[in-house]
Protein backbone atom coordinates (compact mmCIF):
# COMPACT_ATOMS: atom_id res chain seq x y z
CA MET A 1 -4.05 -29.58 2.58
CA ASN A 2 -6.92 -29.76 5.06
CA PRO A 3 -5.97 -27.56 8.07
CA LEU A 4 -7.10 -30.27 10.47
CA LYS A 5 -4.87 -32.81 8.75
CA LYS A 6 -2.08 -30.31 8.89
CA ARG A 7 -2.14 -30.37 12.71
CA VAL A 8 -3.21 -33.95 13.32
CA ILE A 9 -0.92 -35.87 10.93
CA PRO A 10 2.37 -34.78 12.57
CA ILE A 11 0.92 -35.69 15.98
CA LEU A 12 -0.16 -39.12 14.72
CA ILE A 13 3.32 -39.74 13.40
CA THR A 14 4.72 -38.73 16.78
CA LEU A 15 2.44 -41.19 18.56
CA LEU A 16 3.42 -43.99 16.17
CA MET A 17 7.10 -43.28 16.63
CA SER A 18 6.83 -43.04 20.41
CA ALA A 19 5.46 -46.58 20.45
CA ILE A 20 8.68 -47.81 18.86
CA ALA A 21 11.39 -47.17 21.43
CA PRO A 22 13.83 -45.54 21.53
CA VAL A 23 12.65 -42.99 18.96
CA PRO A 24 12.41 -39.51 20.61
CA PRO A 25 9.44 -37.19 20.08
CA MET A 26 9.57 -35.36 16.78
CA ALA A 27 9.65 -31.60 16.39
CA ALA A 28 6.65 -31.77 14.08
CA ALA A 29 4.42 -32.34 17.11
CA TYR A 30 4.33 -28.59 17.71
CA GLU A 31 0.88 -27.39 16.69
CA THR A 32 1.16 -24.61 14.13
CA ASP A 33 -0.57 -23.18 11.09
CA ALA A 34 2.71 -22.41 9.36
CA PRO A 35 2.65 -23.63 5.73
CA TYR A 36 4.85 -26.53 4.69
CA ASP A 37 5.56 -28.72 1.65
CA GLY A 38 5.95 -32.39 2.52
CA TYR A 39 8.19 -33.77 5.25
CA ILE A 40 11.87 -33.99 6.18
CA VAL A 41 13.00 -37.39 7.46
CA LYS A 42 16.25 -37.77 9.41
CA LEU A 43 17.25 -41.47 9.32
CA LYS A 44 18.92 -43.04 12.34
CA ASN A 45 21.96 -44.32 10.47
CA PRO A 46 23.27 -45.02 6.92
CA GLU A 47 22.48 -48.71 7.27
CA SER A 48 18.78 -47.85 7.50
CA ALA A 49 18.98 -46.09 4.16
CA MET A 50 20.71 -49.05 2.52
CA ARG A 51 18.07 -51.50 3.77
CA LEU A 52 15.24 -49.24 2.66
CA PHE A 53 16.66 -48.82 -0.83
CA ALA A 54 17.18 -52.57 -1.10
CA VAL A 55 13.47 -53.31 -0.59
CA GLY A 56 12.29 -50.49 -2.85
CA SER A 57 10.57 -48.58 -0.04
CA ALA A 58 9.14 -45.07 0.03
CA LEU A 59 12.70 -43.80 0.35
CA SER A 60 13.26 -44.55 -3.33
CA ASN A 61 11.04 -41.51 -4.13
CA ALA A 62 12.71 -39.28 -1.58
CA GLU A 63 15.11 -36.41 -2.29
CA TYR A 64 18.39 -36.78 -0.43
CA ALA A 65 19.76 -33.54 1.04
CA GLY A 66 22.86 -34.93 2.77
CA HIS A 67 23.63 -35.59 6.43
CA GLY A 68 20.99 -38.32 6.61
CA LEU A 69 18.16 -35.95 5.60
CA TYR A 70 15.50 -36.98 3.07
CA ALA A 71 12.48 -35.07 1.76
CA VAL A 72 9.20 -36.92 1.11
CA GLN A 73 5.95 -35.45 -0.14
CA THR A 74 3.13 -37.41 1.47
CA GLU A 75 1.95 -38.46 4.91
CA GLU A 76 1.98 -42.09 3.73
CA GLU A 77 5.66 -41.91 2.86
CA ALA A 78 6.39 -40.36 6.23
CA PHE A 79 4.49 -43.13 8.04
CA ALA A 80 6.37 -45.79 6.06
CA LEU A 81 9.72 -44.42 7.22
CA ALA A 82 8.80 -43.86 10.87
CA ASP A 83 10.46 -47.05 12.10
CA TYR A 84 13.83 -45.97 10.72
CA ALA A 85 13.65 -42.26 11.50
CA GLU A 86 15.43 -40.29 14.17
CA TYR A 87 12.79 -37.63 13.64
CA ILE A 88 10.29 -36.40 11.05
CA GLU A 89 9.41 -32.72 10.59
CA PRO A 90 7.27 -30.75 8.17
CA ASN A 91 9.32 -29.11 5.43
CA TYR A 92 8.27 -25.60 6.44
CA ILE A 93 8.14 -22.79 3.89
CA LEU A 94 10.24 -19.86 5.08
CA THR A 95 9.96 -16.22 4.03
CA LEU A 96 12.68 -13.65 3.57
CA PHE A 97 12.24 -10.77 5.99
CA GLY A 98 11.24 -7.59 4.21
CA THR A 99 9.39 -9.27 1.35
CA TYR A 100 5.66 -8.93 0.84
CA SER A 101 2.86 -10.68 -0.96
CA TYR A 102 0.40 -8.25 -2.47
CA THR A 103 -2.06 -10.81 -3.86
CA ASP A 104 -4.55 -9.95 -1.11
CA TYR A 105 -4.87 -6.46 -2.61
CA ALA A 106 -5.61 -7.53 -6.19
CA ALA A 107 -9.16 -6.17 -5.88
CA GLN A 108 -7.90 -2.63 -5.24
CA ASP A 109 -8.06 -0.87 -8.60
CA ASN A 110 -6.08 2.06 -7.24
CA ILE A 111 -3.20 -0.36 -6.62
CA THR A 112 -3.41 -2.78 -9.55
CA MET A 113 -4.43 -0.39 -12.35
CA THR A 114 -1.63 2.02 -11.46
CA ASN A 115 0.99 -0.74 -11.14
CA ALA A 116 1.82 0.45 -7.64
CA GLU A 117 3.75 -2.72 -6.90
CA GLY A 118 6.11 -1.81 -9.72
CA LEU A 119 7.15 1.28 -7.80
CA TRP A 120 7.36 -0.32 -4.38
CA THR A 121 10.91 -1.40 -3.61
CA TYR A 122 12.44 -2.61 -0.37
CA ASP A 123 12.39 0.18 2.21
CA HIS A 124 10.91 2.69 -0.24
CA PHE A 125 7.19 2.68 0.49
CA GLY A 126 7.20 6.36 1.36
CA THR A 127 9.62 5.67 4.22
CA GLY A 128 10.85 8.87 5.82
CA ILE A 129 8.30 11.09 4.05
CA LYS A 130 5.67 13.23 5.79
CA VAL A 131 2.38 13.85 4.01
CA GLY A 132 0.08 16.56 5.29
CA VAL A 133 -3.58 15.65 4.79
CA ILE A 134 -5.58 18.89 4.77
CA ASP A 135 -9.04 17.50 5.29
CA SER A 136 -11.67 16.63 7.92
CA GLY A 137 -9.15 15.06 10.25
CA VAL A 138 -7.95 11.47 10.54
CA SER A 139 -9.37 9.10 13.13
CA PRO A 140 -7.16 6.48 14.80
CA HIS A 141 -7.25 3.17 12.92
CA ASN A 142 -5.27 -0.02 13.32
CA ALA A 143 -4.07 0.26 9.72
CA LEU A 144 -2.54 3.67 10.48
CA ALA A 145 -1.18 2.91 13.95
CA ALA A 146 2.47 3.30 12.96
CA ASN A 147 1.92 6.08 10.41
CA LEU A 148 -0.28 8.69 12.10
CA LEU A 149 1.54 11.68 13.60
CA GLU A 150 0.26 14.56 15.67
CA GLY A 151 -1.36 17.36 13.69
CA TYR A 152 -3.68 20.25 14.39
CA ASN A 153 -7.40 21.01 14.50
CA TYR A 154 -7.91 24.45 12.97
CA LEU A 155 -11.64 24.37 13.70
CA ASP A 156 -11.35 24.00 17.48
CA LYS A 157 -7.79 25.28 17.84
CA ASN A 158 -6.45 22.16 19.54
CA ARG A 159 -4.61 18.88 18.84
CA GLU A 160 -7.73 16.72 18.63
CA THR A 161 -7.78 15.69 14.96
CA ALA A 162 -10.28 12.81 14.98
CA ASP A 163 -12.54 12.74 11.93
CA SER A 164 -16.29 13.24 12.45
CA ILE A 165 -17.11 13.02 8.73
CA GLY A 166 -14.99 10.11 7.50
CA HIS A 167 -13.60 11.83 4.42
CA GLY A 168 -10.12 12.53 5.76
CA THR A 169 -9.75 9.05 7.22
CA ARG A 170 -10.60 7.48 3.86
CA VAL A 171 -8.11 9.78 2.14
CA ALA A 172 -5.38 8.92 4.67
CA GLY A 173 -6.06 5.19 4.28
CA THR A 174 -5.87 5.40 0.50
CA LEU A 175 -2.56 7.14 0.93
CA ALA A 176 -0.86 5.28 3.78
CA ALA A 177 -2.76 2.29 5.17
CA GLN A 178 -0.11 -0.16 6.33
CA TYR A 179 0.64 -3.54 4.80
CA GLY A 180 -1.25 -6.44 6.40
CA PHE A 181 -4.75 -4.97 6.67
CA GLU A 182 -7.85 -5.18 4.45
CA VAL A 183 -6.62 -2.31 2.28
CA ILE A 184 -3.17 -0.98 1.54
CA GLY A 185 -2.07 2.59 0.92
CA ALA A 186 -0.10 3.78 -2.07
CA ALA A 187 2.76 4.79 0.28
CA HIS A 188 2.21 2.46 3.21
CA ASN A 189 5.25 3.60 5.22
CA ALA A 190 4.69 7.35 4.81
CA LYS A 191 3.80 9.38 7.88
CA ILE A 192 0.47 11.20 7.91
CA VAL A 193 0.11 14.65 9.48
CA PRO A 194 -3.62 15.38 9.93
CA LEU A 195 -4.43 19.04 9.39
CA LYS A 196 -8.12 19.30 10.23
CA CYS A 197 -9.85 22.18 8.47
CA PHE A 198 -13.27 20.73 7.58
CA GLY A 199 -16.36 19.80 9.57
CA GLU A 200 -19.98 19.11 8.77
CA LYS A 201 -20.41 22.71 7.55
CA GLY A 202 -17.29 22.77 5.40
CA GLY A 203 -14.10 24.70 6.07
CA SER A 204 -12.87 28.26 5.94
CA MET A 205 -10.37 29.60 3.47
CA LEU A 206 -8.23 31.05 6.26
CA ASP A 207 -7.96 27.69 8.03
CA VAL A 208 -6.86 26.01 4.80
CA VAL A 209 -4.28 28.70 4.11
CA GLN A 210 -2.90 28.43 7.62
CA ALA A 211 -2.74 24.63 7.26
CA ILE A 212 -0.69 24.97 4.08
CA TYR A 213 1.80 27.32 5.76
CA ASP A 214 1.96 25.19 8.91
CA GLY A 215 2.34 22.01 6.91
CA VAL A 216 5.53 23.51 5.50
CA ASP A 217 6.88 25.57 8.41
CA LEU A 218 5.80 23.66 11.53
CA TYR A 219 5.33 20.06 10.46
CA GLY A 220 7.98 19.70 7.77
CA CYS A 221 5.69 17.98 5.29
CA ASP A 222 7.22 16.84 2.03
CA VAL A 223 3.83 16.37 0.35
CA LEU A 224 0.42 17.98 0.89
CA ASN A 225 -2.79 16.23 -0.17
CA MET A 226 -5.77 18.52 -0.78
CA SER A 227 -8.94 16.61 -1.65
CA PHE A 228 -11.10 19.74 -1.68
CA GLY A 229 -11.59 22.81 -3.83
CA ILE A 230 -13.49 25.94 -4.64
CA GLU A 231 -15.10 26.38 -8.04
CA ASN A 232 -13.98 29.01 -10.55
CA ILE A 233 -12.40 31.34 -7.99
CA ASP A 234 -8.69 32.03 -8.00
CA ILE A 235 -8.12 33.28 -4.45
CA SER A 236 -4.97 35.30 -3.78
CA THR A 237 -4.46 34.04 -0.23
CA ILE A 238 -4.55 30.37 -1.30
CA SER A 239 -2.48 31.07 -4.42
CA GLU A 240 0.23 32.74 -2.33
CA ALA A 241 0.27 29.88 0.20
CA VAL A 242 0.57 27.33 -2.59
CA GLU A 243 3.41 29.22 -4.25
CA TYR A 244 5.18 29.52 -0.91
CA ALA A 245 4.97 25.75 -0.35
CA ALA A 246 6.17 25.04 -3.89
CA SER A 247 9.11 27.43 -3.50
CA LEU A 248 10.33 25.27 -0.61
CA GLY A 249 10.00 22.03 -2.54
CA VAL A 250 6.71 20.74 -1.12
CA VAL A 251 4.80 18.61 -3.62
CA MET A 252 1.08 19.43 -3.61
CA VAL A 253 -1.62 17.17 -4.98
CA ALA A 254 -5.28 18.16 -5.27
CA ALA A 255 -8.55 16.65 -6.47
CA ALA A 256 -9.92 18.05 -9.76
CA GLY A 257 -13.56 18.00 -8.62
CA ASN A 258 -16.66 15.86 -8.94
CA ASN A 259 -19.09 17.95 -11.03
CA GLY A 260 -18.59 15.76 -14.08
CA ASP A 261 -18.16 18.84 -16.25
CA ASN A 262 -15.48 21.40 -17.12
CA THR A 263 -15.82 23.39 -13.90
CA LEU A 264 -12.39 24.61 -12.85
CA CYS A 265 -11.51 23.97 -9.21
CA TYR A 266 -8.74 25.46 -7.12
CA PRO A 267 -6.18 24.59 -5.77
CA ALA A 268 -5.99 21.82 -8.42
CA ALA A 269 -5.88 24.44 -11.15
CA TYR A 270 -2.76 26.18 -9.87
CA PRO A 271 0.30 25.42 -12.03
CA SER A 272 2.43 24.33 -9.08
CA VAL A 273 -0.21 21.83 -7.92
CA ILE A 274 -0.71 18.35 -9.42
CA GLY A 275 -4.42 18.18 -10.22
CA VAL A 276 -5.87 14.67 -10.31
CA GLY A 277 -8.91 13.34 -12.15
CA SER A 278 -10.54 9.95 -11.69
CA VAL A 279 -10.55 6.97 -14.02
CA GLU A 280 -12.04 3.48 -13.80
CA LYS A 281 -12.25 0.22 -15.68
CA SER A 282 -14.97 -0.51 -18.24
CA GLY A 283 -14.25 -4.05 -19.33
CA ASN A 284 -10.68 -3.95 -20.58
CA THR A 285 -10.75 -0.20 -21.18
CA VAL A 286 -9.79 2.62 -18.83
CA ILE A 287 -12.30 5.46 -19.01
CA LYS A 288 -12.84 8.77 -17.28
CA SER A 289 -15.16 8.46 -14.29
CA SER A 290 -18.47 10.15 -15.04
CA PHE A 291 -18.17 12.40 -11.98
CA SER A 292 -14.62 13.57 -12.73
CA ASN A 293 -14.15 17.14 -13.93
CA TYR A 294 -12.32 17.72 -17.18
CA ASN A 295 -10.30 20.86 -17.88
CA LYS A 296 -6.77 22.23 -17.76
CA SER A 297 -6.46 21.42 -14.05
CA VAL A 298 -6.26 17.67 -14.75
CA PHE A 299 -2.56 16.93 -14.81
CA VAL A 300 -2.83 13.16 -14.31
CA THR A 301 -5.45 10.57 -13.34
CA ALA A 302 -5.82 7.64 -10.93
CA PRO A 303 -8.70 5.30 -10.03
CA GLY A 304 -11.30 6.95 -7.79
CA ARG A 305 -14.45 4.87 -8.29
CA ASN A 306 -15.63 2.59 -5.43
CA THR A 307 -12.44 3.02 -3.45
CA LYS A 308 -12.32 0.86 -0.33
CA SER A 309 -10.48 2.52 2.50
CA LEU A 310 -10.57 3.10 6.25
CA SER A 311 -13.66 4.15 8.16
CA ALA A 312 -13.66 6.71 10.95
CA SER A 313 -16.34 4.73 12.84
CA SER A 314 -13.85 2.39 14.55
CA LYS A 315 -10.23 1.25 14.50
CA THR A 316 -11.17 -1.86 12.54
CA ALA A 317 -13.85 -0.57 10.18
CA TYR A 318 -13.68 0.01 6.41
CA SER A 319 -15.85 1.91 3.95
CA ILE A 320 -16.24 2.48 0.22
CA ASP A 321 -16.66 5.81 -1.55
CA SER A 322 -16.04 7.39 -4.95
CA GLY A 323 -14.59 10.68 -6.09
CA THR A 324 -11.50 12.51 -7.23
CA SER A 325 -10.88 12.91 -3.50
CA TYR A 326 -9.62 9.31 -3.52
CA ALA A 327 -7.73 9.54 -6.79
CA ALA A 328 -5.60 12.40 -5.45
CA PRO A 329 -4.05 10.48 -2.50
CA VAL A 330 -2.94 7.71 -4.86
CA VAL A 331 -0.83 10.28 -6.68
CA ALA A 332 0.27 11.87 -3.41
CA GLY A 333 1.36 8.42 -2.25
CA PHE A 334 3.33 7.83 -5.44
CA ALA A 335 5.03 11.20 -4.94
CA ALA A 336 5.99 10.13 -1.41
CA ASN A 337 7.43 6.89 -2.78
CA VAL A 338 9.49 8.77 -5.36
CA LEU A 339 10.89 11.19 -2.78
CA SER A 340 11.74 8.25 -0.53
CA ALA A 341 13.41 6.29 -3.31
CA ASP A 342 15.46 9.22 -4.61
CA PRO A 343 16.34 11.72 -1.85
CA SER A 344 18.25 13.84 -4.38
CA LEU A 345 14.88 15.07 -5.62
CA ARG A 346 14.29 16.80 -2.29
CA THR A 347 16.07 19.99 -3.27
CA GLY A 348 14.25 22.30 -0.84
CA ASP A 349 13.14 24.59 -3.62
CA ALA A 350 10.81 24.72 -6.64
CA ARG A 351 12.97 22.25 -8.55
CA THR A 352 11.44 19.41 -6.53
CA VAL A 353 7.95 20.27 -7.77
CA ASP A 354 9.14 20.68 -11.35
CA LEU A 355 11.03 17.38 -11.29
CA MET A 356 8.08 15.53 -9.77
CA LYS A 357 5.68 16.88 -12.37
CA PHE A 358 8.10 15.95 -15.14
CA ILE A 359 8.52 12.38 -13.83
CA ILE A 360 4.78 11.84 -13.47
CA ALA A 361 3.96 13.35 -16.88
CA ASP A 362 6.73 11.49 -18.65
CA THR A 363 5.77 8.08 -17.25
CA ALA A 364 1.95 8.26 -17.26
CA VAL A 365 0.02 5.85 -19.48
CA ASP A 366 -1.47 8.05 -22.19
CA LEU A 367 -5.26 7.86 -22.40
CA GLY A 368 -7.73 9.57 -24.72
CA ALA A 369 -6.30 11.98 -27.27
CA ALA A 370 -2.55 11.71 -27.80
CA GLY A 371 -0.59 13.79 -25.33
CA CYS A 372 -2.01 15.93 -22.57
CA ASP A 373 -5.75 16.58 -22.75
CA ASP A 374 -8.48 17.97 -20.51
CA TYR A 375 -10.02 14.57 -19.71
CA PHE A 376 -6.98 12.59 -18.63
CA GLY A 377 -4.16 15.10 -18.41
CA TYR A 378 -0.99 13.19 -19.28
CA GLY A 379 -2.79 9.91 -18.57
CA MET A 380 -2.96 7.45 -15.69
CA ILE A 381 -0.10 7.34 -13.24
CA ASP A 382 2.04 4.19 -13.52
CA GLY A 383 4.34 3.00 -10.75
CA GLY A 384 6.32 0.57 -12.85
CA LYS A 385 7.23 3.22 -15.40
CA ILE A 386 8.15 5.67 -12.65
CA LYS A 387 10.48 3.12 -11.11
CA ALA A 388 12.11 2.45 -14.48
CA ALA A 389 12.66 6.18 -14.91
CA LEU A 390 14.36 6.42 -11.51
CA VAL A 391 16.79 3.55 -12.11
């Protein structure tokens, strides 16, 4: 219906009715953009209904709901009944609290391709889960207003964790942007702990290691997202920090790298870390993104091409980027959802990591060669299958 009609028609009916005393003003005169489907007519008395049926009026097409209430579909029918009505109101469409409509996010491949909606259940959108984002910081954004916690800036040794690069803010948005904004995160109720270790010149190994330990010991993170890596170097200090986190049941997710070759990147390559490669659509086929590394570190995949997320430039801005950096937080978000949906998985020890890896591997949509392979790992993560496995 034309929005102008939507506001004007009820007012016109009110004016018509007010000219026929003693009909009181109708509630439909309130100006609103709330959606409705036809009109509700309350007749003055049963005799009015009998007369109207006798002459074959518009009431003959109406649906009777009892207590003198009739539903009609058109403005014309409402006008025709105005003389006999106590009041006429739009038949407003009501919504159950706690339900959502995700049609506005149909363009987000990282949501639709992975069947994220299949995993989302009432009150289990990562609710109660803390995710540490070890990255370039996270700038305040309206879409993260309820989800962004205090973290730490390891570069400047203070609590100022705003993002001067934009990478960490995009990662955090992909992971936990709230419902109702231009983009939605995979776990849109999860809390984000920004652990800022990277600036324009990169980040130091010691800062990253400290962030891993602090994410576990000081901030109580359930999940750590690490959209960074170092090529072909297995570093003892990072390996020990990762194993420490895993031993306490912290699920770690890391990007597999963007060289487009078989370069091995750490921490994604550590056995206790879920390494994530990027996939995308090519027509009706899901293919490996050309930039995504392929090797034993790829445990699972998620869409990472042309990911729209939050921008660090303002609280209302958005940006688009590609990389395994943005595939990883999809998986981290799914992990947060799983831990929220089934608290029994939070064992406080290495069993949590093992169980999470088993669930993800067992429910992934197999791509490429049958079984686990270097290009897709166990396949593309699938929220609907994960949910079915948890039931």
